[in-house]
């Protein structure tokens, strides 16, 4: 039973980097290299939200250290943001980030509606 818990601990510690960095990096490269622009918004939104989450963690590090389940909660949140079945990053960006940006920039519309990306 001790070996099982050791294995589980190693898998748990590898899950974070794989879910939060390795898979999103891979998917972002695939999105850039594809001719379709449908997945670009998902991955740009993910990196914006992941950066914000990392900055928030840095600011609130002393408080989060007292929450033993923080890492597990973060892992579940990032799984929801990353998994293509949920498209959580796009959902959060469209629902909250875009709304806040429009308040500060005065821009009520967004030029990159789904499927209508500008050519670069």
C-alpha atoms as a PDB file:
ATOM      1  CA  UNK A   1       0.000   0.000   0.000  1.00  0.00           C
ATOM      2  CA  UNK A   2       2.949   2.330   0.639  1.00  0.00           C
ATOM      3  CA  UNK A   3       4.106   2.053  -2.968  1.00  0.00           C
ATOM      4  CA  UNK A   4       0.623   2.945  -4.197  1.00  0.00           C
ATOM      5  CA  UNK A   5       0.609   6.188  -2.160  1.00  0.00           C
ATOM      6  CA  UNK A   6       4.122   6.995  -3.366  1.00  0.00           C
ATOM      7  CA  UNK A   7       3.024   6.484  -6.979  1.00  0.00           C
ATOM      8  CA  UNK A   8      -0.121   8.548  -6.374  1.00  0.00           C
ATOM      9  CA  UNK A   9       1.983  11.364  -4.886  1.00  0.00           C
ATOM     10  CA  UNK A  10       4.275  11.404  -7.921  1.00  0.00           C
ATOM     11  CA  UNK A  11       1.349  11.374 -10.356  1.00  0.00           C
ATOM     12  CA  UNK A  12      -0.297  14.207  -8.404  1.00  0.00           C
ATOM     13  CA  UNK A  13       2.862  16.324  -8.472  1.00  0.00           C
ATOM     14  CA  UNK A  14       3.288  15.722 -12.231  1.00  0.00           C
ATOM     15  CA  UNK A  15      -0.360  16.483 -13.012  1.00  0.00           C
ATOM     16  CA  UNK A  16       0.041  20.215 -12.350  1.00  0.00           C
ATOM     17  CA  UNK A  17       2.856  20.904 -14.809  1.00  0.00           C
ATOM     18  CA  UNK A  18       1.287  18.638 -17.443  1.00  0.00           C
ATOM     19  CA  UNK A  19      -2.185  20.176 -17.165  1.00  0.00           C
ATOM     20  CA  UNK A  20      -1.108  23.785 -16.586  1.00  0.00           C
ATOM     21  CA  UNK A  21       1.882  24.060 -18.922  1.00  0.00           C
ATOM     22  CA  UNK A  22       2.806  21.136 -21.164  1.00  0.00           C
ATOM     23  CA  UNK A  23      -0.612  20.413 -22.704  1.00  0.00           C
ATOM     24  CA  UNK A  24      -1.511  24.125 -23.136  1.00  0.00           C
ATOM     25  CA  UNK A  25       1.873  24.782 -24.770  1.00  0.00           C
ATOM     26  CA  UNK A  26       1.331  21.874 -27.152  1.00  0.00           C
ATOM     27  CA  UNK A  27      -2.249  22.943 -27.938  1.00  0.00           C
ATOM     28  CA  UNK A  28      -1.169  26.570 -28.441  1.00  0.00           C
ATOM     29  CA  UNK A  29       1.482  25.563 -30.967  1.00  0.00           C
ATOM     30  CA  UNK A  30      -1.059  23.393 -32.797  1.00  0.00           C
ATOM     31  CA  UNK A  31      -3.520  26.319 -32.811  1.00  0.00           C
ATOM     32  CA  UNK A  32      -0.937  28.701 -34.262  1.00  0.00           C
ATOM     33  CA  UNK A  33       0.104  26.206 -36.928  1.00  0.00           C
ATOM     34  CA  UNK A  34      -3.438  25.302 -37.982  1.00  0.00           C
ATOM     35  CA  UNK A  35      -5.218  27.194 -40.746  1.00  0.00           C
ATOM     36  CA  UNK A  36      -8.340  27.429 -38.587  1.00  0.00           C
ATOM     37  CA  UNK A  37      -8.616  30.328 -36.133  1.00  0.00           C
ATOM     38  CA  UNK A  38     -11.371  28.704 -34.039  1.00  0.00           C
ATOM     39  CA  UNK A  39      -9.066  27.478 -31.258  1.00  0.00           C
ATOM     40  CA  UNK A  40      -6.846  30.567 -31.109  1.00  0.00           C
ATOM     41  CA  UNK A  41      -9.233  32.445 -28.813  1.00  0.00           C
ATOM     42  CA  UNK A  42      -9.364  29.492 -26.395  1.00  0.00           C
ATOM     43  CA  UNK A  43      -5.601  29.379 -25.989  1.00  0.00           C
ATOM     44  CA  UNK A  44      -5.041  33.127 -25.868  1.00  0.00           C
ATOM     45  CA  UNK A  45      -7.759  33.340 -23.221  1.00  0.00           C
ATOM     46  CA  UNK A  46      -6.125  30.466 -21.315  1.00  0.00           C
ATOM     47  CA  UNK A  47      -2.735  32.179 -21.181  1.00  0.00           C
ATOM     48  CA  UNK A  48      -4.315  35.465 -20.067  1.00  0.00           C
ATOM     49  CA  UNK A  49      -6.217  33.706 -17.269  1.00  0.00           C
ATOM     50  CA  UNK A  50      -3.250  31.535 -16.282  1.00  0.00           C
ATOM     51  CA  UNK A  51      -1.057  34.635 -16.024  1.00  0.00           C
ATOM     52  CA  UNK A  52      -3.658  36.354 -13.881  1.00  0.00           C
ATOM     53  CA  UNK A  53      -3.961  33.268 -11.660  1.00  0.00           C
ATOM     54  CA  UNK A  54      -0.182  33.098 -11.242  1.00  0.00           C
ATOM     55  CA  UNK A  55       0.011  36.802 -10.338  1.00  0.00           C
ATOM     56  CA  UNK A  56      -2.834  36.393  -7.839  1.00  0.00           C
ATOM     57  CA  UNK A  57      -1.013  33.429  -6.299  1.00  0.00           C
ATOM     58  CA  UNK A  58       2.115  35.519  -5.899  1.00  0.00           C
ATOM     59  CA  UNK A  59       0.192  38.327  -4.195  1.00  0.00           C
ATOM     60  CA  UNK A  60      -1.814  36.049  -1.891  1.00  0.00           C
ATOM     61  CA  UNK A  61       0.920  33.478  -1.276  1.00  0.00           C
ATOM     62  CA  UNK A  62       0.887  33.845   2.510  1.00  0.00           C
ATOM     63  CA  UNK A  63      -2.887  33.349   2.670  1.00  0.00           C
ATOM     64  CA  UNK A  64      -2.907  30.433   0.220  1.00  0.00           C
ATOM     65  CA  UNK A  65      -0.199  28.677   2.226  1.00  0.00           C
ATOM     66  CA  UNK A  66      -2.808  28.187   4.953  1.00  0.00           C
ATOM     67  CA  UNK A  67      -5.192  26.442   2.538  1.00  0.00           C
ATOM     68  CA  UNK A  68      -4.019  22.827   2.202  1.00  0.00           C
ATOM     69  CA  UNK A  69      -6.400  22.108  -0.673  1.00  0.00           C
ATOM     70  CA  UNK A  70      -5.421  25.153  -2.747  1.00  0.00           C
ATOM     71  CA  UNK A  71      -3.266  23.156  -5.173  1.00  0.00           C
ATOM     72  CA  UNK A  72      -6.077  20.647  -5.770  1.00  0.00           C
ATOM     73  CA  UNK A  73      -8.618  23.435  -6.302  1.00  0.00           C
ATOM     74  CA  UNK A  74      -6.255  25.180  -8.715  1.00  0.00           C
ATOM     75  CA  UNK A  75      -5.685  21.931 -10.605  1.00  0.00           C
ATOM     76  CA  UNK A  76      -9.431  21.383 -11.002  1.00  0.00           C
ATOM     77  CA  UNK A  77      -9.947  24.986 -12.128  1.00  0.00           C
ATOM     78  CA  UNK A  78      -7.170  24.726 -14.700  1.00  0.00           C
ATOM     79  CA  UNK A  79      -8.537  21.394 -15.935  1.00  0.00           C
ATOM     80  CA  UNK A  80     -11.863  23.127 -16.560  1.00  0.00           C
ATOM     81  CA  UNK A  81     -10.077  25.989 -18.356  1.00  0.00           C
ATOM     82  CA  UNK A  82      -8.004  23.631 -20.528  1.00  0.00           C
ATOM     83  CA  UNK A  83     -10.232  20.729 -21.505  1.00  0.00           C
ATOM     84  CA  UNK A  84     -11.740  21.247 -24.961  1.00  0.00           C
ATOM     85  CA  UNK A  85     -15.063  19.749 -23.838  1.00  0.00           C
ATOM     86  CA  UNK A  86     -15.620  22.695 -21.496  1.00  0.00           C
ATOM     87  CA  UNK A  87     -13.719  25.586 -23.169  1.00  0.00           C
ATOM     88  CA  UNK A  88     -13.633  27.215 -19.745  1.00  0.00           C
ATOM     89  CA  UNK A  89     -10.991  29.776 -20.705  1.00  0.00           C
ATOM     90  CA  UNK A  90     -13.126  31.108 -23.535  1.00  0.00           C
ATOM     91  CA  UNK A  91     -16.202  31.132 -21.294  1.00  0.00           C
ATOM     92  CA  UNK A  92     -14.466  33.113 -18.514  1.00  0.00           C
ATOM     93  CA  UNK A  93     -12.907  35.516 -21.005  1.00  0.00           C
ATOM     94  CA  UNK A  94     -16.153  36.223 -22.853  1.00  0.00           C
ATOM     95  CA  UNK A  95     -18.289  36.414 -19.713  1.00  0.00           C
ATOM     96  CA  UNK A  96     -16.036  38.418 -17.368  1.00  0.00           C
ATOM     97  CA  UNK A  97     -12.760  39.689 -18.838  1.00  0.00           C
ATOM     98  CA  UNK A  98     -14.250  41.154 -22.020  1.00  0.00           C
ATOM     99  CA  UNK A  99     -16.972  42.864 -19.964  1.00  0.00           C
ATOM    100  CA  UNK A 100     -14.395  44.462 -17.652  1.00  0.00           C
ATOM    101  CA  UNK A 101     -12.223  45.530 -20.571  1.00  0.00           C
ATOM    102  CA  UNK A 102     -15.155  47.219 -22.269  1.00  0.00           C
ATOM    103  CA  UNK A 103     -15.809  49.255 -19.105  1.00  0.00           C
ATOM    104  CA  UNK A 104     -12.294  50.657 -19.112  1.00  0.00           C
ATOM    105  CA  UNK A 105     -11.723  50.992 -22.844  1.00  0.00           C
ATOM    106  CA  UNK A 106     -15.210  52.169 -23.776  1.00  0.00           C
ATOM    107  CA  UNK A 107     -15.301  49.554 -26.534  1.00  0.00           C
ATOM    108  CA  UNK A 108     -18.735  47.895 -26.397  1.00  0.00           C
ATOM    109  CA  UNK A 109     -18.156  45.529 -29.306  1.00  0.00           C
ATOM    110  CA  UNK A 110     -15.419  43.076 -29.973  1.00  0.00           C
ATOM    111  CA  UNK A 111     -13.980  42.821 -33.474  1.00  0.00           C
ATOM    112  CA  UNK A 112     -13.092  39.145 -33.146  1.00  0.00           C
ATOM    113  CA  UNK A 113     -16.502  37.524 -33.025  1.00  0.00           C
ATOM    114  CA  UNK A 114     -16.540  33.750 -33.280  1.00  0.00           C
ATOM    115  CA  UNK A 115     -15.300  32.674 -36.674  1.00  0.00           C
ATOM    116  CA  UNK A 116     -14.682  36.261 -37.887  1.00  0.00           C
ATOM    117  CA  UNK A 117     -10.965  36.796 -37.280  1.00  0.00           C
ATOM    118  CA  UNK A 118      -9.006  39.449 -39.089  1.00  0.00           C
ATOM    119  CA  UNK A 119      -6.273  38.339 -41.456  1.00  0.00           C
ATOM    120  CA  UNK A 120      -2.735  39.011 -40.284  1.00  0.00           C
END
